[in-house]
PDB file of N, CA and C in Angstrom:
ATOM      1  N   UNK A   1     -43.743 -20.825-109.976  1.00  0.00           N
ATOM      2  CA  UNK A   1     -44.543 -19.732-109.608  1.00  0.00           C
ATOM      3  C   UNK A   1     -43.615 -18.662-109.063  1.00  0.00           C
ATOM      4  N   UNK A   2     -43.829 -17.438-109.501  1.00  0.00           N
ATOM      5  CA  UNK A   2     -42.949 -16.295-109.056  1.00  0.00           C
ATOM      6  C   UNK A   2     -43.334 -15.861-107.690  1.00  0.00           C
ATOM      7  N   UNK A   3     -42.425 -15.403-106.885  1.00  0.00           N
ATOM      8  CA  UNK A   3     -42.574 -15.026-105.572  1.00  0.00           C
ATOM      9  C   UNK A   3     -42.438 -13.494-105.312  1.00  0.00           C
ATOM     10  N   UNK A   4     -43.443 -12.867-104.720  1.00  0.00           N
ATOM     11  CA  UNK A   4     -43.350 -11.439-104.462  1.00  0.00           C
ATOM     12  C   UNK A   4     -43.277 -11.225-102.960  1.00  0.00           C
ATOM     13  N   UNK A   5     -42.390 -10.354-102.556  1.00  0.00           N
ATOM     14  CA  UNK A   5     -42.337  -9.939-101.108  1.00  0.00           C
ATOM     15  C   UNK A   5     -43.015  -8.617-100.968  1.00  0.00           C
ATOM     16  N   UNK A   6     -43.981  -8.573-100.116  1.00  0.00           N
ATOM     17  CA  UNK A   6     -44.766  -7.323 -99.836  1.00  0.00           C
ATOM     18  C   UNK A   6     -44.297  -6.874 -98.445  1.00  0.00           C
ATOM     19  N   UNK A   7     -43.737  -5.627 -98.463  1.00  0.00           N
ATOM     20  CA  UNK A   7     -43.169  -5.019 -97.254  1.00  0.00           C
ATOM     21  C   UNK A   7     -44.061  -3.747 -96.956  1.00  0.00           C
ATOM     22  N   UNK A   8     -44.771  -3.849 -95.814  1.00  0.00           N
ATOM     23  CA  UNK A   8     -45.583  -2.749 -95.379  1.00  0.00           C
ATOM     24  C   UNK A   8     -45.883  -2.809 -93.940  1.00  0.00           C
ATOM     25  N   UNK A   9     -45.813  -1.746 -93.219  1.00  0.00           N
ATOM     26  CA  UNK A   9     -46.093  -1.791 -91.775  1.00  0.00           C
ATOM     27  C   UNK A   9     -47.635  -1.916 -91.429  1.00  0.00           C
ATOM     28  N   UNK A  10     -48.441  -1.649 -92.412  1.00  0.00           N
ATOM     29  CA  UNK A  10     -49.914  -1.756 -92.233  1.00  0.00           C
ATOM     30  C   UNK A  10     -50.394  -3.171 -92.644  1.00  0.00           C
ATOM     31  N   UNK A  11     -50.921  -3.869 -91.634  1.00  0.00           N
ATOM     32  CA  UNK A  11     -51.385  -5.273 -91.920  1.00  0.00           C
ATOM     33  C   UNK A  11     -52.432  -5.387 -92.919  1.00  0.00           C
ATOM     34  N   UNK A  12     -53.345  -4.358 -92.914  1.00  0.00           N
ATOM     35  CA  UNK A  12     -54.431  -4.386 -93.898  1.00  0.00           C
ATOM     36  C   UNK A  12     -53.947  -4.227 -95.302  1.00  0.00           C
ATOM     37  N   UNK A  13     -52.872  -3.472 -95.572  1.00  0.00           N
ATOM     38  CA  UNK A  13     -52.280  -3.370 -96.890  1.00  0.00           C
ATOM     39  C   UNK A  13     -51.611  -4.673 -97.257  1.00  0.00           C
ATOM     40  N   UNK A  14     -50.836  -5.290 -96.310  1.00  0.00           N
ATOM     41  CA  UNK A  14     -50.112  -6.529 -96.604  1.00  0.00           C
ATOM     42  C   UNK A  14     -51.126  -7.612 -96.993  1.00  0.00           C
ATOM     43  N   UNK A  15     -52.317  -7.714 -96.307  1.00  0.00           N
ATOM     44  CA  UNK A  15     -53.275  -8.707 -96.530  1.00  0.00           C
ATOM     45  C   UNK A  15     -53.951  -8.450 -97.937  1.00  0.00           C
ATOM     46  N   UNK A  16     -54.279  -7.156 -98.146  1.00  0.00           N
ATOM     47  CA  UNK A  16     -54.925  -6.819 -99.490  1.00  0.00           C
ATOM     48  C   UNK A  16     -53.996  -7.237-100.613  1.00  0.00           C
ATOM     49  N   UNK A  17     -52.758  -6.803-100.607  1.00  0.00           N
ATOM     50  CA  UNK A  17     -51.815  -7.161-101.564  1.00  0.00           C
ATOM     51  C   UNK A  17     -51.713  -8.607-101.768  1.00  0.00           C
ATOM     52  N   UNK A  18     -51.557  -9.317-100.631  1.00  0.00           N
ATOM     53  CA  UNK A  18     -51.446 -10.773-100.697  1.00  0.00           C
ATOM     54  C   UNK A  18     -52.645 -11.431-101.417  1.00  0.00           C
ATOM     55  N   UNK A  19     -53.835 -11.018-100.991  1.00  0.00           N
ATOM     56  CA  UNK A  19     -55.041 -11.690-101.611  1.00  0.00           C
ATOM     57  C   UNK A  19     -55.038 -11.380-103.180  1.00  0.00           C
ATOM     58  N   UNK A  20     -54.815 -10.140-103.564  1.00  0.00           N
ATOM     59  CA  UNK A  20     -54.870  -9.768-104.965  1.00  0.00           C
ATOM     60  C   UNK A  20     -53.703 -10.461-105.725  1.00  0.00           C
ATOM     61  N   UNK A  21     -52.489 -10.478-105.172  1.00  0.00           N
ATOM     62  CA  UNK A  21     -51.381 -11.135-105.853  1.00  0.00           C
ATOM     63  C   UNK A  21     -51.523 -12.671-105.938  1.00  0.00           C
ATOM     64  N   UNK A  22     -51.990 -13.273-104.956  1.00  0.00           N
ATOM     65  CA  UNK A  22     -52.293 -14.719-105.014  1.00  0.00           C
ATOM     66  C   UNK A  22     -53.367 -15.034-106.102  1.00  0.00           C
ATOM     67  N   UNK A  23     -54.405 -14.173-106.202  1.00  0.00           N
ATOM     68  CA  UNK A  23     -55.387 -14.382-107.214  1.00  0.00           C
ATOM     69  C   UNK A  23     -54.806 -14.130-108.595  1.00  0.00           C
ATOM     70  N   UNK A  24     -53.719 -13.290-108.725  1.00  0.00           N
ATOM     71  CA  UNK A  24     -53.075 -13.133-109.993  1.00  0.00           C
ATOM     72  C   UNK A  24     -52.069 -14.185-110.297  1.00  0.00           C
ATOM     73  N   UNK A  25     -51.826 -15.095-109.417  1.00  0.00           N
ATOM     74  CA  UNK A  25     -50.993 -16.266-109.681  1.00  0.00           C
ATOM     75  C   UNK A  25     -49.586 -16.238-109.037  1.00  0.00           C
ATOM     76  N   UNK A  26     -49.452 -15.438-108.049  1.00  0.00           N
ATOM     77  CA  UNK A  26     -48.090 -15.264-107.419  1.00  0.00           C
ATOM     78  C   UNK A  26     -48.060 -15.900-106.081  1.00  0.00           C
ATOM     79  N   UNK A  27     -46.882 -16.407-105.650  1.00  0.00           N
ATOM     80  CA  UNK A  27     -46.632 -16.734-104.304  1.00  0.00           C
ATOM     81  C   UNK A  27     -46.260 -15.506-103.578  1.00  0.00           C
ATOM     82  N   UNK A  28     -46.766 -15.289-102.362  1.00  0.00           N
ATOM     83  CA  UNK A  28     -46.557 -14.020-101.696  1.00  0.00           C
ATOM     84  C   UNK A  28     -45.987 -14.182-100.328  1.00  0.00           C
ATOM     85  N   UNK A  29     -44.901 -13.457-100.071  1.00  0.00           N
ATOM     86  CA  UNK A  29     -44.299 -13.421 -98.717  1.00  0.00           C
ATOM     87  C   UNK A  29     -44.644 -12.014 -98.142  1.00  0.00           C
ATOM     88  N   UNK A  30     -44.751 -11.943 -96.794  1.00  0.00           N
ATOM     89  CA  UNK A  30     -45.080 -10.706 -96.148  1.00  0.00           C
ATOM     90  C   UNK A  30     -44.050 -10.310 -95.114  1.00  0.00           C
ATOM     91  N   UNK A  31     -43.837  -9.028 -95.063  1.00  0.00           N
ATOM     92  CA  UNK A  31     -42.883  -8.463 -94.090  1.00  0.00           C
ATOM     93  C   UNK A  31     -43.477  -7.151 -93.434  1.00  0.00           C
ATOM     94  N   UNK A  32     -43.511  -6.999 -92.136  1.00  0.00           N
ATOM     95  CA  UNK A  32     -44.075  -5.817 -91.498  1.00  0.00           C
ATOM     96  C   UNK A  32     -43.009  -4.698 -91.394  1.00  0.00           C
ATOM     97  N   UNK A  33     -41.752  -4.899 -91.649  1.00  0.00           N
ATOM     98  CA  UNK A  33     -40.770  -3.925 -91.437  1.00  0.00           C
ATOM     99  C   UNK A  33     -39.449  -4.196 -92.292  1.00  0.00           C
ATOM    100  N   UNK A  34     -38.596  -3.234 -92.284  1.00  0.00           N
ATOM    101  CA  UNK A  34     -37.383  -3.359 -93.079  1.00  0.00           C
ATOM    102  C   UNK A  34     -36.466  -4.498 -92.683  1.00  0.00           C
ATOM    103  N   UNK A  35     -36.275  -4.642 -91.378  1.00  0.00           N
ATOM    104  CA  UNK A  35     -35.427  -5.739 -90.837  1.00  0.00           C
ATOM    105  C   UNK A  35     -35.897  -7.073 -91.330  1.00  0.00           C
ATOM    106  N   UNK A  36     -37.164  -7.284 -91.104  1.00  0.00           N
ATOM    107  CA  UNK A  36     -37.801  -8.598 -91.554  1.00  0.00           C
ATOM    108  C   UNK A  36     -37.604  -8.792 -93.085  1.00  0.00           C
ATOM    109  N   UNK A  37     -37.840  -7.696 -93.849  1.00  0.00           N
ATOM    110  CA  UNK A  37     -37.739  -7.788 -95.302  1.00  0.00           C
ATOM    111  C   UNK A  37     -36.355  -8.222 -95.735  1.00  0.00           C
ATOM    112  N   UNK A  38     -35.364  -7.620 -95.168  1.00  0.00           N
ATOM    113  CA  UNK A  38     -33.955  -7.969 -95.534  1.00  0.00           C
ATOM    114  C   UNK A  38     -33.646  -9.398 -95.205  1.00  0.00           C
ATOM    115  N   UNK A  39     -34.130  -9.901 -94.091  1.00  0.00           N
ATOM    116  CA  UNK A  39     -34.018 -11.281 -93.693  1.00  0.00           C
ATOM    117  C   UNK A  39     -34.658 -12.201 -94.705  1.00  0.00           C
ATOM    118  N   UNK A  40     -35.817 -11.898 -95.038  1.00  0.00           N
ATOM    119  CA  UNK A  40     -36.650 -12.724 -96.049  1.00  0.00           C
ATOM    120  C   UNK A  40     -35.919 -12.731 -97.406  1.00  0.00           C
ATOM    121  N   UNK A  41     -35.489 -11.536 -97.844  1.00  0.00           N
ATOM    122  CA  UNK A  41     -34.773 -11.419 -99.112  1.00  0.00           C
ATOM    123  C   UNK A  41     -33.515 -12.336 -99.158  1.00  0.00           C
ATOM    124  N   UNK A  42     -32.806 -12.327 -98.040  1.00  0.00           N
ATOM    125  CA  UNK A  42     -31.564 -13.059 -97.963  1.00  0.00           C
ATOM    126  C   UNK A  42     -31.886 -14.530 -97.994  1.00  0.00           C
ATOM    127  N   UNK A  43     -32.950 -14.986 -97.242  1.00  0.00           N
ATOM    128  CA  UNK A  43     -33.245 -16.420 -97.055  1.00  0.00           C
ATOM    129  C   UNK A  43     -34.064 -17.003 -98.213  1.00  0.00           C
ATOM    130  N   UNK A  44     -35.051 -16.241 -98.725  1.00  0.00           N
ATOM    131  CA  UNK A  44     -35.946 -16.764 -99.693  1.00  0.00           C
ATOM    132  C   UNK A  44     -35.754 -16.342-101.140  1.00  0.00           C
ATOM    133  N   UNK A  45     -35.044 -15.234-101.362  1.00  0.00           N
ATOM    134  CA  UNK A  45     -34.683 -14.721-102.642  1.00  0.00           C
ATOM    135  C   UNK A  45     -36.008 -14.542-103.582  1.00  0.00           C
ATOM    136  N   UNK A  46     -36.811 -13.664-103.169  1.00  0.00           N
ATOM    137  CA  UNK A  46     -38.106 -13.431-103.943  1.00  0.00           C
ATOM    138  C   UNK A  46     -37.770 -12.867-105.337  1.00  0.00           C
ATOM    139  N   UNK A  47     -38.680 -12.951-106.241  1.00  0.00           N
ATOM    140  CA  UNK A  47     -38.478 -12.410-107.626  1.00  0.00           C
ATOM    141  C   UNK A  47     -38.629 -10.979-107.706  1.00  0.00           C
ATOM    142  N   UNK A  48     -39.412 -10.395-106.834  1.00  0.00           N
ATOM    143  CA  UNK A  48     -39.664  -8.952-106.807  1.00  0.00           C
ATOM    144  C   UNK A  48     -40.068  -8.563-105.417  1.00  0.00           C
ATOM    145  N   UNK A  49     -39.855  -7.193-105.059  1.00  0.00           N
ATOM    146  CA  UNK A  49     -40.201  -6.673-103.776  1.00  0.00           C
ATOM    147  C   UNK A  49     -41.050  -5.436-103.989  1.00  0.00           C
ATOM    148  N   UNK A  50     -42.229  -5.393-103.254  1.00  0.00           N
ATOM    149  CA  UNK A  50     -43.020  -4.099-103.173  1.00  0.00           C
ATOM    150  C   UNK A  50     -42.676  -3.594-101.814  1.00  0.00           C
ATOM    151  N   UNK A  51     -42.321  -2.340-101.762  1.00  0.00           N
ATOM    152  CA  UNK A  51     -41.780  -1.729-100.529  1.00  0.00           C
ATOM    153  C   UNK A  51     -42.416  -0.382-100.168  1.00  0.00           C
ATOM    154  N   UNK A  52     -43.009  -0.336 -98.989  1.00  0.00           N
ATOM    155  CA  UNK A  52     -43.658   0.856 -98.477  1.00  0.00           C
ATOM    156  C   UNK A  52     -42.463   1.848 -98.122  1.00  0.00           C
ATOM    157  N   UNK A  53     -42.740   3.096 -98.332  1.00  0.00           N
ATOM    158  CA  UNK A  53     -41.647   4.065 -98.015  1.00  0.00           C
ATOM    159  C   UNK A  53     -41.683   4.433 -96.502  1.00  0.00           C
ATOM    160  N   UNK A  54     -42.827   4.807 -95.957  1.00  0.00           N
ATOM    161  CA  UNK A  54     -42.944   5.189 -94.510  1.00  0.00           C
ATOM    162  C   UNK A  54     -43.238   4.035 -93.653  1.00  0.00           C
ATOM    163  N   UNK A  55     -42.179   3.635 -92.958  1.00  0.00           N
ATOM    164  CA  UNK A  55     -42.295   2.502 -91.936  1.00  0.00           C
ATOM    165  C   UNK A  55     -41.494   2.942 -90.698  1.00  0.00           C
ATOM    166  N   UNK A  56     -41.935   2.534 -89.564  1.00  0.00           N
ATOM    167  CA  UNK A  56     -41.111   2.775 -88.382  1.00  0.00           C
ATOM    168  C   UNK A  56     -39.853   2.081 -88.394  1.00  0.00           C
ATOM    169  N   UNK A  57     -38.800   2.593 -87.695  1.00  0.00           N
ATOM    170  CA  UNK A  57     -37.513   1.929 -87.740  1.00  0.00           C
ATOM    171  C   UNK A  57     -36.802   2.277 -89.000  1.00  0.00           C
ATOM    172  N   UNK A  58     -36.442   1.179 -89.768  1.00  0.00           N
ATOM    173  CA  UNK A  58     -35.817   1.385 -91.051  1.00  0.00           C
ATOM    174  C   UNK A  58     -36.894   1.715 -92.085  1.00  0.00           C
ATOM    175  N   UNK A  59     -36.762   2.830 -92.742  1.00  0.00           N
ATOM    176  CA  UNK A  59     -37.779   3.219 -93.734  1.00  0.00           C
ATOM    177  C   UNK A  59     -37.454   2.507 -95.069  1.00  0.00           C
ATOM    178  N   UNK A  60     -38.362   2.616 -95.928  1.00  0.00           N
ATOM    179  CA  UNK A  60     -38.345   1.957 -97.273  1.00  0.00           C
ATOM    180  C   UNK A  60     -37.160   2.405 -98.026  1.00  0.00           C
ATOM    181  N   UNK A  61     -36.803   3.646 -98.005  1.00  0.00           N
ATOM    182  CA  UNK A  61     -35.627   4.139 -98.773  1.00  0.00           C
ATOM    183  C   UNK A  61     -34.316   3.445 -98.289  1.00  0.00           C
ATOM    184  N   UNK A  62     -34.169   3.347 -96.995  1.00  0.00           N
ATOM    185  CA  UNK A  62     -32.990   2.624 -96.485  1.00  0.00           C
ATOM    186  C   UNK A  62     -32.928   1.166 -96.863  1.00  0.00           C
ATOM    187  N   UNK A  63     -34.169   0.506 -96.825  1.00  0.00           N
ATOM    188  CA  UNK A  63     -34.247  -0.873 -97.291  1.00  0.00           C
ATOM    189  C   UNK A  63     -33.880  -0.930 -98.819  1.00  0.00           C
ATOM    190  N   UNK A  64     -34.434  -0.061 -99.584  1.00  0.00           N
ATOM    191  CA  UNK A  64     -34.156  -0.012-101.000  1.00  0.00           C
ATOM    192  C   UNK A  64     -32.559   0.052-101.249  1.00  0.00           C
ATOM    193  N   UNK A  65     -31.941   0.855-100.552  1.00  0.00           N
ATOM    194  CA  UNK A  65     -30.450   1.047-100.740  1.00  0.00           C
ATOM    195  C   UNK A  65     -29.745  -0.238-100.375  1.00  0.00           C
ATOM    196  N   UNK A  66     -30.159  -0.884 -99.263  1.00  0.00           N
ATOM    197  CA  UNK A  66     -29.538  -2.090 -98.875  1.00  0.00           C
ATOM    198  C   UNK A  66     -29.785  -3.263 -99.887  1.00  0.00           C
ATOM    199  N   UNK A  67     -31.074  -3.319-100.384  1.00  0.00           N
ATOM    200  CA  UNK A  67     -31.424  -4.389-101.366  1.00  0.00           C
ATOM    201  C   UNK A  67     -30.539  -4.120-102.601  1.00  0.00           C
ATOM    202  N   UNK A  68     -30.458  -2.940-103.132  1.00  0.00           N
ATOM    203  CA  UNK A  68     -29.788  -2.715-104.415  1.00  0.00           C
ATOM    204  C   UNK A  68     -28.262  -2.705-104.275  1.00  0.00           C
ATOM    205  N   UNK A  69     -27.735  -2.561-103.022  1.00  0.00           N
ATOM    206  CA  UNK A  69     -26.346  -2.681-102.891  1.00  0.00           C
ATOM    207  C   UNK A  69     -25.980  -4.114-102.959  1.00  0.00           C
ATOM    208  N   UNK A  70     -26.840  -5.037-102.513  1.00  0.00           N
ATOM    209  CA  UNK A  70     -26.585  -6.504-102.473  1.00  0.00           C
ATOM    210  C   UNK A  70     -26.903  -7.079-103.876  1.00  0.00           C
ATOM    211  N   UNK A  71     -28.006  -6.598-104.517  1.00  0.00           N
ATOM    212  CA  UNK A  71     -28.412  -7.237-105.767  1.00  0.00           C
ATOM    213  C   UNK A  71     -29.110  -6.223-106.668  1.00  0.00           C
ATOM    214  N   UNK A  72     -28.335  -5.581-107.564  1.00  0.00           N
ATOM    215  CA  UNK A  72     -28.941  -4.568-108.407  1.00  0.00           C
ATOM    216  C   UNK A  72     -30.014  -5.093-109.364  1.00  0.00           C
ATOM    217  N   UNK A  73     -30.055  -6.392-109.672  1.00  0.00           N
ATOM    218  CA  UNK A  73     -31.086  -6.913-110.530  1.00  0.00           C
ATOM    219  C   UNK A  73     -32.415  -7.231-109.808  1.00  0.00           C
ATOM    220  N   UNK A  74     -32.473  -7.103-108.522  1.00  0.00           N
ATOM    221  CA  UNK A  74     -33.708  -7.387-107.775  1.00  0.00           C
ATOM    222  C   UNK A  74     -34.715  -6.250-108.038  1.00  0.00           C
ATOM    223  N   UNK A  75     -35.836  -6.511-108.752  1.00  0.00           N
ATOM    224  CA  UNK A  75     -36.803  -5.500-108.997  1.00  0.00           C
ATOM    225  C   UNK A  75     -37.461  -5.051-107.676  1.00  0.00           C
ATOM    226  N   UNK A  76     -37.571  -3.718-107.539  1.00  0.00           N
ATOM    227  CA  UNK A  76     -38.159  -3.136-106.336  1.00  0.00           C
ATOM    228  C   UNK A  76     -39.158  -2.110-106.730  1.00  0.00           C
ATOM    229  N   UNK A  77     -40.460  -2.267-106.252  1.00  0.00           N
ATOM    230  CA  UNK A  77     -41.430  -1.219-106.551  1.00  0.00           C
ATOM    231  C   UNK A  77     -41.678  -0.473-105.178  1.00  0.00           C
ATOM    232  N   UNK A  78     -41.426   0.780-105.264  1.00  0.00           N
ATOM    233  CA  UNK A  78     -41.779   1.601-104.016  1.00  0.00           C
ATOM    234  C   UNK A  78     -43.221   1.973-104.065  1.00  0.00           C
ATOM    235  N   UNK A  79     -43.916   1.739-102.939  1.00  0.00           N
ATOM    236  CA  UNK A  79     -45.375   2.035-102.851  1.00  0.00           C
ATOM    237  C   UNK A  79     -45.650   2.951-101.679  1.00  0.00           C
ATOM    238  N   UNK A  80     -46.364   3.991-101.930  1.00  0.00           N
ATOM    239  CA  UNK A  80     -46.676   4.899-100.792  1.00  0.00           C
ATOM    240  C   UNK A  80     -48.032   5.532-101.019  1.00  0.00           C
ATOM    241  N   UNK A  81     -48.607   6.040 -99.976  1.00  0.00           N
ATOM    242  CA  UNK A  81     -49.872   6.834-100.062  1.00  0.00           C
ATOM    243  C   UNK A  81     -49.519   8.329-100.307  1.00  0.00           C
ATOM    244  N   UNK A  82     -48.260   8.612-100.331  1.00  0.00           N
ATOM    245  CA  UNK A  82     -47.852  10.017-100.332  1.00  0.00           C
ATOM    246  C   UNK A  82     -47.049  10.372-101.637  1.00  0.00           C
ATOM    247  N   UNK A  83     -47.744  11.197-102.475  1.00  0.00           N
ATOM    248  CA  UNK A  83     -47.080  11.483-103.842  1.00  0.00           C
ATOM    249  C   UNK A  83     -45.848  12.340-103.743  1.00  0.00           C
ATOM    250  N   UNK A  84     -45.556  13.013-102.697  1.00  0.00           N
ATOM    251  CA  UNK A  84     -44.379  13.863-102.662  1.00  0.00           C
ATOM    252  C   UNK A  84     -43.081  13.175-102.824  1.00  0.00           C
ATOM    253  N   UNK A  85     -42.985  11.823-102.534  1.00  0.00           N
ATOM    254  CA  UNK A  85     -41.789  11.124-102.627  1.00  0.00           C
ATOM    255  C   UNK A  85     -41.328  11.013-104.067  1.00  0.00           C
ATOM    256  N   UNK A  86     -42.169  11.148-104.986  1.00  0.00           N
ATOM    257  CA  UNK A  86     -41.741  11.020-106.411  1.00  0.00           C
ATOM    258  C   UNK A  86     -40.598  11.914-106.713  1.00  0.00           C
ATOM    259  N   UNK A  87     -40.422  12.999-106.030  1.00  0.00           N
ATOM    260  CA  UNK A  87     -39.375  14.002-106.256  1.00  0.00           C
ATOM    261  C   UNK A  87     -38.150  13.686-105.480  1.00  0.00           C
ATOM    262  N   UNK A  88     -38.144  12.659-104.602  1.00  0.00           N
ATOM    263  CA  UNK A  88     -36.990  12.264-103.815  1.00  0.00           C
ATOM    264  C   UNK A  88     -36.014  11.465-104.594  1.00  0.00           C
ATOM    265  N   UNK A  89     -34.803  11.999-104.825  1.00  0.00           N
ATOM    266  CA  UNK A  89     -33.813  11.275-105.623  1.00  0.00           C
ATOM    267  C   UNK A  89     -33.451   9.950-105.060  1.00  0.00           C
ATOM    268  N   UNK A  90     -33.603   9.733-103.753  1.00  0.00           N
ATOM    269  CA  UNK A  90     -33.215   8.412-103.151  1.00  0.00           C
ATOM    270  C   UNK A  90     -34.067   7.283-103.686  1.00  0.00           C
ATOM    271  N   UNK A  91     -35.254   7.543-104.138  1.00  0.00           N
ATOM    272  CA  UNK A  91     -36.067   6.428-104.600  1.00  0.00           C
ATOM    273  C   UNK A  91     -35.928   6.180-106.066  1.00  0.00           C
ATOM    274  N   UNK A  92     -35.089   6.966-106.744  1.00  0.00           N
ATOM    275  CA  UNK A  92     -34.837   6.718-108.132  1.00  0.00           C
ATOM    276  C   UNK A  92     -34.126   5.470-108.419  1.00  0.00           C
ATOM    277  N   UNK A  93     -33.538   4.811-107.360  1.00  0.00           N
ATOM    278  CA  UNK A  93     -32.843   3.532-107.537  1.00  0.00           C
ATOM    279  C   UNK A  93     -33.893   2.382-107.657  1.00  0.00           C
ATOM    280  N   UNK A  94     -35.112   2.724-107.316  1.00  0.00           N
ATOM    281  CA  UNK A  94     -36.147   1.663-107.488  1.00  0.00           C
ATOM    282  C   UNK A  94     -36.490   1.427-108.932  1.00  0.00           C
ATOM    283  N   UNK A  95     -37.265   0.365-109.250  1.00  0.00           N
ATOM    284  CA  UNK A  95     -37.617   0.101-110.591  1.00  0.00           C
ATOM    285  C   UNK A  95     -38.922   0.727-110.969  1.00  0.00           C
ATOM    286  N   UNK A  96     -39.748   1.037-109.962  1.00  0.00           N
ATOM    287  CA  UNK A  96     -40.987   1.619-110.196  1.00  0.00           C
ATOM    288  C   UNK A  96     -41.532   2.322-108.949  1.00  0.00           C
ATOM    289  N   UNK A  97     -42.513   3.193-109.095  1.00  0.00           N
ATOM    290  CA  UNK A  97     -43.079   4.003-107.962  1.00  0.00           C
ATOM    291  C   UNK A  97     -44.598   3.910-108.186  1.00  0.00           C
ATOM    292  N   UNK A  98     -45.287   3.469-107.171  1.00  0.00           N
ATOM    293  CA  UNK A  98     -46.789   3.325-107.190  1.00  0.00           C
ATOM    294  C   UNK A  98     -47.397   4.103-106.086  1.00  0.00           C
ATOM    295  N   UNK A  99     -48.437   4.812-106.350  1.00  0.00           N
ATOM    296  CA  UNK A  99     -49.287   5.428-105.299  1.00  0.00           C
ATOM    297  C   UNK A  99     -50.317   4.369-104.876  1.00  0.00           C
ATOM    298  N   UNK A 100     -50.294   4.054-103.573  1.00  0.00           N
ATOM    299  CA  UNK A 100     -51.284   3.048-103.003  1.00  0.00           C
ATOM    300  C   UNK A 100     -52.733   3.435-103.369  1.00  0.00           C
ATOM    301  N   UNK A 101     -53.496   2.527-103.871  1.00  0.00           N
ATOM    302  CA  UNK A 101     -54.977   2.740-103.950  1.00  0.00           C
ATOM    303  C   UNK A 101     -55.582   1.381-103.702  1.00  0.00           C
ATOM    304  N   UNK A 102     -56.815   1.294-103.587  1.00  0.00           N
ATOM    305  CA  UNK A 102     -57.565   0.021-103.354  1.00  0.00           C
ATOM    306  C   UNK A 102     -57.558  -0.748-104.646  1.00  0.00           C
ATOM    307  N   UNK A 103     -57.453  -0.098-105.842  1.00  0.00           N
ATOM    308  CA  UNK A 103     -57.410  -0.843-107.133  1.00  0.00           C
ATOM    309  C   UNK A 103     -55.884  -1.188-107.385  1.00  0.00           C
ATOM    310  N   UNK A 104     -55.653  -2.429-107.463  1.00  0.00           N
ATOM    311  CA  UNK A 104     -54.278  -2.855-107.572  1.00  0.00           C
ATOM    312  C   UNK A 104     -53.875  -3.189-109.065  1.00  0.00           C
ATOM    313  N   UNK A 105     -54.717  -2.819-109.980  1.00  0.00           N
ATOM    314  CA  UNK A 105     -54.405  -3.119-111.375  1.00  0.00           C
ATOM    315  C   UNK A 105     -53.001  -2.587-111.812  1.00  0.00           C
ATOM    316  N   UNK A 106     -52.773  -1.286-111.376  1.00  0.00           N
ATOM    317  CA  UNK A 106     -51.451  -0.684-111.810  1.00  0.00           C
ATOM    318  C   UNK A 106     -50.306  -1.471-111.166  1.00  0.00           C
ATOM    319  N   UNK A 107     -50.425  -1.909-109.892  1.00  0.00           N
ATOM    320  CA  UNK A 107     -49.408  -2.590-109.262  1.00  0.00           C
ATOM    321  C   UNK A 107     -49.236  -3.984-109.927  1.00  0.00           C
ATOM    322  N   UNK A 108     -50.219  -4.699-110.310  1.00  0.00           N
ATOM    323  CA  UNK A 108     -50.106  -5.992-110.938  1.00  0.00           C
ATOM    324  C   UNK A 108     -49.436  -5.835-112.303  1.00  0.00           C
ATOM    325  N   UNK A 109     -49.848  -4.822-113.102  1.00  0.00           N
ATOM    326  CA  UNK A 109     -49.333  -4.523-114.423  1.00  0.00           C
ATOM    327  C   UNK A 109     -47.855  -4.287-114.284  1.00  0.00           C
ATOM    328  N   UNK A 110     -47.509  -3.469-113.247  1.00  0.00           N
ATOM    329  CA  UNK A 110     -46.099  -3.051-113.060  1.00  0.00           C
ATOM    330  C   UNK A 110     -45.247  -4.328-112.734  1.00  0.00           C
ATOM    331  N   UNK A 111     -45.770  -5.169-111.833  1.00  0.00           N
ATOM    332  CA  UNK A 111     -45.069  -6.407-111.454  1.00  0.00           C
ATOM    333  C   UNK A 111     -44.790  -7.265-112.690  1.00  0.00           C
ATOM    334  N   UNK A 112     -45.894  -7.430-113.547  1.00  0.00           N
ATOM    335  CA  UNK A 112     -45.711  -8.206-114.743  1.00  0.00           C
ATOM    336  C   UNK A 112     -44.753  -7.711-115.731  1.00  0.00           C
ATOM    337  N   UNK A 113     -44.740  -6.326-115.879  1.00  0.00           N
ATOM    338  CA  UNK A 113     -43.760  -5.684-116.746  1.00  0.00           C
ATOM    339  C   UNK A 113     -42.331  -5.803-116.241  1.00  0.00           C
ATOM    340  N   UNK A 114     -42.128  -5.603-114.931  1.00  0.00           N
ATOM    341  CA  UNK A 114     -40.758  -5.780-114.387  1.00  0.00           C
ATOM    342  C   UNK A 114     -40.255  -7.243-114.430  1.00  0.00           C
ATOM    343  N   UNK A 115     -41.165  -8.181-114.157  1.00  0.00           N
ATOM    344  CA  UNK A 115     -40.674  -9.601-114.257  1.00  0.00           C
ATOM    345  C   UNK A 115     -40.326  -9.984-115.703  1.00  0.00           C
ATOM    346  N   UNK A 116     -41.137  -9.488-116.570  1.00  0.00           N
ATOM    347  CA  UNK A 116     -40.833  -9.777-118.021  1.00  0.00           C
ATOM    348  C   UNK A 116     -39.512  -9.030-118.406  1.00  0.00           C
ATOM    349  N   UNK A 117     -39.247  -7.893-117.971  1.00  0.00           N
ATOM    350  CA  UNK A 117     -37.994  -7.209-118.265  1.00  0.00           C
ATOM    351  C   UNK A 117     -36.810  -7.965-117.629  1.00  0.00           C
ATOM    352  N   UNK A 118     -37.026  -8.473-116.425  1.00  0.00           N
ATOM    353  CA  UNK A 118     -35.987  -9.250-115.769  1.00  0.00           C
ATOM    354  C   UNK A 118     -35.692 -10.526-116.502  1.00  0.00           C
ATOM    355  N   UNK A 119     -36.755 -11.262-116.963  1.00  0.00           N
ATOM    356  CA  UNK A 119     -36.578 -12.523-117.691  1.00  0.00           C
ATOM    357  C   UNK A 119     -35.837 -12.157-119.038  1.00  0.00           C
ATOM    358  N   UNK A 120     -36.124 -11.047-119.590  1.00  0.00           N
ATOM    359  CA  UNK A 120     -35.482 -10.653-120.884  1.00  0.00           C
ATOM    360  C   UNK A 120     -34.053 -10.392-120.764  1.00  0.00           C
ATOM    361  N   UNK A 121     -33.568  -9.948-119.545  1.00  0.00           N
ATOM    362  CA  UNK A 121     -32.225  -9.563-119.346  1.00  0.00           C
ATOM    363  C   UNK A 121     -31.385 -10.723-118.763  1.00  0.00           C
ATOM    364  N   UNK A 122     -32.038 -11.868-118.392  1.00  0.00           N
ATOM    365  CA  UNK A 122     -31.279 -12.941-117.790  1.00  0.00           C
ATOM    366  C   UNK A 122     -30.641 -13.782-118.844  1.00  0.00           C
TER     367      UNK A 122
END
């Protein structure tokens, strides 16, 4: 079973993502902030990370840079409620960019696509 790490400072988002991703057949790990996320990535080696951009402390862009500097092959999906980040060059290192909505079909389709691409390149 593939493991997805969901990083978001909002507990309701983490729980929504977890419920939907478990229903879609994934094992799900949760992190409320960037520091916790980096620790989980180091210890558990998830197959993919969904990463909120706006978080207190270390923001998602900084976490993205640290993840990609350690492992360029780790798929990272940036997720935010704010569309203006699409123009930010710092997030271009991510593998995908999703605007948060209650409908997680786009997120699940993107996860499936990125994992299939990762499998094809291994």
